[in-house]
Protein backbone atom coordinates (compact mmCIF):
# COMPACT_ATOMS: atom_id res chain seq x y z
CA MET A 1 -108.59 -25.73 12.48
CA ALA A 2 -109.73 -23.44 15.56
CA TYR A 3 -113.37 -23.32 16.02
CA PRO A 4 -115.40 -20.16 17.57
CA ILE A 5 -115.85 -20.29 21.32
CA SER A 6 -119.51 -19.58 21.86
CA ALA A 7 -121.17 -17.29 24.12
CA GLU A 8 -121.90 -19.71 26.73
CA GLU A 9 -118.52 -21.37 26.65
CA LYS A 10 -117.14 -18.07 26.90
CA ALA A 11 -119.32 -17.52 29.89
CA MET A 12 -118.27 -20.53 31.48
CA PHE A 13 -114.40 -20.14 31.20
CA GLU A 14 -115.04 -16.83 33.06
CA ARG A 15 -117.18 -18.05 35.57
CA PHE A 16 -114.31 -21.34 36.08
CA SER A 17 -111.30 -18.52 36.15
CA LEU A 18 -113.50 -16.55 38.84
CA LEU A 19 -113.87 -19.51 40.92
CA LEU A 20 -109.86 -20.43 40.78
CA ASP A 21 -109.13 -16.85 42.03
CA LYS A 22 -111.65 -16.97 44.39
CA ASN A 23 -110.29 -20.30 45.60
CA ARG A 24 -107.11 -18.92 45.32
CA LEU A 25 -107.73 -15.68 47.44
CA ILE A 26 -109.72 -17.55 49.83
CA ALA A 27 -106.93 -20.00 50.86
CA LEU A 28 -104.22 -17.29 50.86
CA SER A 29 -106.30 -15.80 53.63
CA LYS A 30 -107.21 -18.51 55.81
CA LYS A 31 -103.01 -18.90 55.56
CA THR A 32 -102.94 -15.58 56.60
CA SER A 33 -105.36 -15.71 59.30
CA GLU A 34 -103.81 -18.37 60.64
CA TYR A 35 -100.19 -17.11 61.31
CA LEU A 36 -101.90 -14.58 63.23
CA ALA A 37 -103.99 -16.38 65.25
CA LEU A 38 -100.29 -18.40 65.88
CA GLN A 39 -98.32 -15.46 67.03
CA ASN A 40 -100.94 -13.55 68.81
CA GLN A 41 -100.86 -16.90 71.24
CA ILE A 42 -97.36 -15.91 72.32
CA ASN A 43 -98.16 -12.58 74.06
CA PRO A 44 -100.43 -13.37 76.55
CA HIS A 45 -98.25 -16.25 78.12
CA PHE A 46 -95.04 -14.21 78.30
CA LEU A 47 -96.82 -11.15 79.98
CA TYR A 48 -98.18 -13.39 82.82
CA ASN A 49 -94.62 -14.57 83.59
CA THR A 50 -93.06 -11.52 83.38
CA LEU A 51 -95.84 -9.49 85.17
CA GLU A 52 -95.44 -12.21 88.07
CA GLY A 53 -91.88 -11.28 88.12
CA ILE A 54 -92.73 -7.89 88.56
CA ARG A 55 -95.04 -8.32 91.63
CA ALA A 56 -92.64 -10.25 93.14
CA GLU A 57 -89.84 -7.97 92.74
CA ALA A 58 -92.23 -5.37 93.96
CA VAL A 59 -92.59 -7.57 97.67
CA ILE A 60 -88.68 -7.97 98.27
CA SER A 61 -87.00 -5.13 96.28
CA GLY A 62 -86.57 -1.24 95.96
CA VAL A 63 -87.99 1.01 93.16
CA ASP A 64 -84.96 1.02 91.31
CA THR A 65 -85.51 -2.35 90.28
CA ILE A 66 -89.32 -2.09 89.54
CA ALA A 67 -88.29 0.72 87.02
CA GLU A 68 -85.82 -1.42 85.35
CA MET A 69 -88.27 -4.62 84.84
CA THR A 70 -90.93 -2.24 83.59
CA GLU A 71 -88.33 -0.60 81.15
CA ALA A 72 -87.47 -3.96 79.71
CA LEU A 73 -90.86 -5.16 79.56
CA ALA A 74 -92.42 -1.90 77.85
CA THR A 75 -89.75 -2.51 75.48
CA TYR A 76 -90.24 -5.54 74.74
CA PHE A 77 -94.25 -5.34 74.36
CA ARG A 78 -93.14 -2.32 71.97
CA TYR A 79 -91.25 -4.81 69.79
CA THR A 80 -93.75 -7.28 69.42
CA ILE A 81 -96.80 -4.27 68.68
CA SER A 82 -94.58 -1.87 66.52
CA GLN A 83 -94.40 -3.98 63.41
CA VAL A 84 -96.66 -5.02 61.58
CA ASP A 85 -94.99 -7.39 59.23
CA ASN A 86 -94.76 -10.68 59.51
CA LEU A 87 -90.36 -10.88 59.10
CA VAL A 88 -87.95 -8.88 61.36
CA THR A 89 -84.15 -9.29 60.75
CA LEU A 90 -82.03 -11.54 62.49
CA GLU A 91 -80.66 -8.59 64.23
CA GLU A 92 -84.13 -7.57 66.24
CA GLU A 93 -84.70 -10.79 67.17
CA LEU A 94 -81.75 -11.49 68.64
CA ALA A 95 -82.29 -8.20 70.69
CA ASN A 96 -85.53 -8.95 71.48
CA VAL A 97 -83.53 -11.94 73.11
CA GLU A 98 -81.06 -9.96 74.99
CA ASN A 99 -83.99 -7.72 76.72
CA TYR A 100 -86.00 -11.11 77.64
CA TYR A 101 -82.47 -12.22 79.12
CA TYR A 102 -82.28 -9.05 80.45
CA ILE A 103 -85.53 -9.40 82.41
CA GLN A 104 -84.92 -12.90 83.56
CA LYS A 105 -81.75 -11.99 84.84
CA PHE A 106 -83.67 -10.07 88.09
CA ARG A 107 -85.25 -13.63 88.57
CA PHE A 108 -82.12 -15.78 88.42
CA GLY A 109 -79.22 -13.82 88.93
CA ASP A 110 -75.75 -15.36 88.46
CA ARG A 111 -77.85 -19.03 87.95
CA LEU A 112 -78.35 -18.00 84.08
CA ASP A 113 -76.36 -17.45 81.60
CA LEU A 114 -76.32 -16.20 77.94
CA MET A 115 -73.56 -16.40 74.75
CA ILE A 116 -74.52 -15.99 71.32
CA ARG A 117 -72.13 -17.75 68.40
CA TYR A 118 -71.66 -17.00 64.95
CA ASP A 119 -70.88 -19.80 62.65
CA CYS A 120 -70.22 -17.92 59.37
CA GLU A 121 -68.18 -15.70 56.95
CA ASP A 122 -70.28 -12.53 56.42
CA GLU A 123 -71.87 -12.07 60.01
CA TYR A 124 -73.39 -8.73 59.32
CA SER A 125 -75.10 -9.96 55.90
CA VAL A 126 -76.97 -12.93 58.35
CA LEU A 127 -77.82 -10.83 60.91
CA GLN A 128 -79.91 -9.16 58.48
CA CYS A 129 -81.66 -12.36 57.31
CA GLN A 130 -85.23 -12.33 57.76
CA ILE A 131 -87.32 -14.60 59.63
CA PRO A 132 -90.84 -14.87 61.73
CA LYS A 133 -90.72 -12.12 64.38
CA LEU A 134 -90.72 -14.20 68.05
CA THR A 135 -89.04 -17.28 66.88
CA LEU A 136 -86.42 -17.17 68.72
CA GLN A 137 -87.72 -15.77 72.48
CA PRO A 138 -90.29 -17.95 73.03
CA ILE A 139 -87.84 -21.33 72.22
CA VAL A 140 -85.29 -19.49 74.79
CA GLU A 141 -88.35 -18.96 77.20
CA ASN A 142 -88.94 -22.88 77.23
CA SER A 143 -85.57 -23.55 77.77
CA ILE A 144 -85.44 -21.49 81.24
CA TYR A 145 -88.73 -22.69 82.41
CA HIS A 146 -88.72 -26.40 81.64
CA GLY A 147 -85.02 -26.99 80.99
CA LEU A 148 -83.10 -24.79 83.59
CA GLU A 149 -85.59 -23.50 86.02
CA GLN A 150 -85.27 -27.09 88.17
CA LYS A 151 -81.40 -27.45 87.94
CA MET A 152 -79.59 -26.36 90.89
CA GLU A 153 -76.71 -25.35 89.60
CA LYS A 154 -75.86 -22.30 86.98
CA GLY A 155 -77.72 -22.68 83.80
CA HIS A 156 -76.07 -21.74 80.07
CA LEU A 157 -78.35 -20.85 77.36
CA ASP A 158 -76.21 -20.97 73.96
CA ILE A 159 -77.59 -19.57 70.67
CA LYS A 160 -75.35 -21.05 67.80
CA ILE A 161 -76.13 -19.40 63.87
CA THR A 162 -75.07 -20.86 61.01
CA ALA A 163 -75.37 -20.02 57.88
CA THR A 164 -75.55 -21.89 54.16
CA ASP A 165 -76.07 -21.31 50.48
CA GLN A 166 -78.94 -23.51 51.34
CA HIS A 167 -79.79 -22.70 55.14
CA LEU A 168 -80.06 -20.49 57.81
CA ILE A 169 -79.87 -22.74 60.89
CA ILE A 170 -80.15 -21.20 64.71
CA MET A 171 -79.41 -23.71 67.42
CA VAL A 172 -80.64 -22.93 71.00
CA SER A 173 -79.09 -25.24 73.23
CA ASP A 174 -79.14 -25.54 77.09
CA ASP A 175 -77.90 -27.76 79.77
CA GLY A 176 -80.75 -28.32 81.87
CA VAL A 177 -82.65 -31.21 82.87
CA GLY A 178 -83.35 -32.71 79.34
CA MET A 179 -86.47 -34.97 78.13
CA GLU A 180 -86.71 -38.27 77.59
CA LYS A 181 -86.24 -40.64 74.61
CA GLU A 182 -89.55 -41.32 74.10
CA GLN A 183 -90.94 -37.94 74.75
CA VAL A 184 -88.64 -36.48 72.01
CA LYS A 185 -89.24 -38.62 69.38
CA LYS A 186 -93.24 -37.26 70.09
CA MET A 187 -92.40 -34.17 69.83
CA ASN A 188 -90.63 -34.50 66.45
CA GLU A 189 -93.14 -36.43 65.43
CA VAL A 190 -95.34 -33.60 65.65
CA LEU A 191 -93.22 -30.80 64.74
CA ARG A 192 -92.36 -33.06 61.02
CA SER A 193 -95.72 -31.52 59.34
CA LEU A 194 -97.72 -28.38 59.85
CA ARG A 195 -100.66 -29.51 62.37
CA LEU A 196 -102.83 -26.62 63.66
CA GLU A 197 -104.69 -28.63 65.45
CA GLU A 198 -102.07 -29.72 67.72
CA MET A 199 -101.80 -25.90 69.03
CA GLN A 200 -105.08 -26.92 71.26
CA THR A 201 -102.97 -29.45 72.92
CA GLU A 202 -100.54 -28.75 75.56
CA SER A 203 -97.48 -30.72 76.51
CA SER A 204 -95.40 -31.09 79.81
CA ARG A 205 -92.68 -29.28 78.36
CA GLY A 206 -94.13 -26.54 77.37
CA GLY A 207 -94.35 -27.60 73.88
CA ILE A 208 -96.77 -25.31 72.75
CA ALA A 209 -94.41 -22.61 72.73
CA VAL A 210 -92.38 -25.04 70.11
CA ARG A 211 -94.91 -25.88 68.18
CA ASN A 212 -96.31 -22.29 67.52
CA VAL A 213 -92.96 -21.26 66.14
CA ASN A 214 -92.87 -24.23 64.17
CA ASN A 215 -96.15 -23.79 62.47
CA ARG A 216 -95.32 -20.24 62.11
CA ILE A 217 -92.17 -21.14 60.01
CA LYS A 218 -94.03 -23.65 57.56
CA LEU A 219 -96.83 -21.42 56.92
CA LEU A 220 -94.57 -18.43 55.76
CA PHE A 221 -91.83 -20.77 53.80
CA GLY A 222 -93.03 -24.40 53.51
CA GLU A 223 -92.97 -27.61 55.02
CA GLU A 224 -88.97 -28.42 54.45
CA TYR A 225 -88.38 -25.56 57.24
CA GLY A 226 -89.11 -25.63 60.90
CA ILE A 227 -88.13 -27.04 63.86
CA SER A 228 -86.22 -30.52 65.65
CA ILE A 229 -85.31 -31.34 68.82
CA TYR A 230 -82.71 -33.74 70.21
CA SER A 231 -82.46 -34.01 74.11
CA GLN A 232 -80.90 -36.24 76.54
CA SER A 233 -82.42 -36.86 80.25
CA GLY A 234 -80.31 -34.86 82.62
CA ALA A 235 -77.86 -33.53 79.75
CA GLY A 236 -79.74 -30.64 78.58
CA THR A 237 -81.75 -29.75 74.92
CA ASP A 238 -81.06 -28.72 71.41
CA VAL A 239 -83.47 -26.70 69.63
CA GLU A 240 -82.67 -26.61 65.94
CA ILE A 241 -84.36 -24.18 63.70
CA THR A 242 -83.95 -24.42 60.02
CA LEU A 243 -84.67 -21.58 57.80
CA PRO A 244 -84.30 -19.95 53.99
CA PRO A 245 -81.39 -17.80 54.02
CA ASN A 246 -83.69 -15.31 53.45
CA TYR A 247 -81.70 -11.78 52.64
CA ASP A 248 -84.40 -9.62 51.19
CA SER A 249 -87.25 -8.09 52.65
CA GLY A 250 -89.95 -11.27 52.14
CA SER A 251 -87.75 -13.08 49.37
CA TYR A 252 -84.95 -15.48 49.03
CA ALA A 253 -81.39 -14.86 49.24
CA SER A 254 -80.66 -12.90 45.91
CA GLU A 255 -76.77 -12.81 46.92
CA LYS A 256 -75.14 -15.96 48.97
CA VAL A 257 -73.29 -16.43 51.97
CA GLY A 258 -70.18 -17.82 51.45
CA GLY A 259 -69.53 -21.95 53.10
CA CYS A 260 -69.11 -20.71 56.98
CA ASN A 261 -65.98 -21.95 58.87
CA ALA A 262 -64.67 -19.22 60.35
CA GLU A 263 -66.82 -19.37 63.77
CA LYS A 264 -66.68 -16.03 66.26
CA GLN A 265 -68.41 -15.84 69.62
CA GLU A 266 -69.99 -12.56 71.80
CA ASN A 267 -70.23 -12.53 74.97
CA ILE A 268 -74.07 -10.64 75.80
CA HIS A 269 -73.49 -7.32 77.92
CA PHE A 270 -76.31 -6.04 79.50
CA LYS A 271 -76.82 -2.26 80.90
CA PRO A 272 -75.99 -2.48 84.75
């Protein structure tokens, strides 16, 4: 038998419902603020490094070279500020990486090489996957400055993209100086869970950029996604980025990509 609800009980339930909605909105607002704060930490670091490269080129090179570097830098920042959405396509992210690599070629010349490979059946669909903006460039930058810069020989960067029904996996590999086993273990322990307080601590291998990307991925998609690091001293480093196969803008895949077994290779070409 149902009993009538008194005015006091009805008011109590309304206050309780309002409190739940308020707490939910507060949590959502906090999550959004944390995401934006983490994303914004990347840009000043890259701006400083690039402007320093332009300054050095101004001393030793001609106006044409400086103009090309400046144009590449403008393209990069146009990309970072032109879209307010949290997510961009993988194709757009890769184009941004190519532009960043073009900038670095002014400094490293023939000492730096980049290859992008696809290990999937439907390359076009995979390129339309939605991922957080500035996911790849900070990882590539970390590989160059902390892995390849210390090498005397030519350095190679390899980006391998694999797609399955459950995951989009991007492996960024370098053949740089690598890391000691204990350092890799410590970094992976930090990366396993979302720890915003770790963003305040700089590591000796530029780990703040890796943690930044890892935290943004976890904030958007959940704890099961993020970054894992594999490295050996003197043999290079692999940074594995695991994401959901996110084909619709902001939602998980509505159509599946077939099992990936046909590997394709693409050499990167840049303007002269």
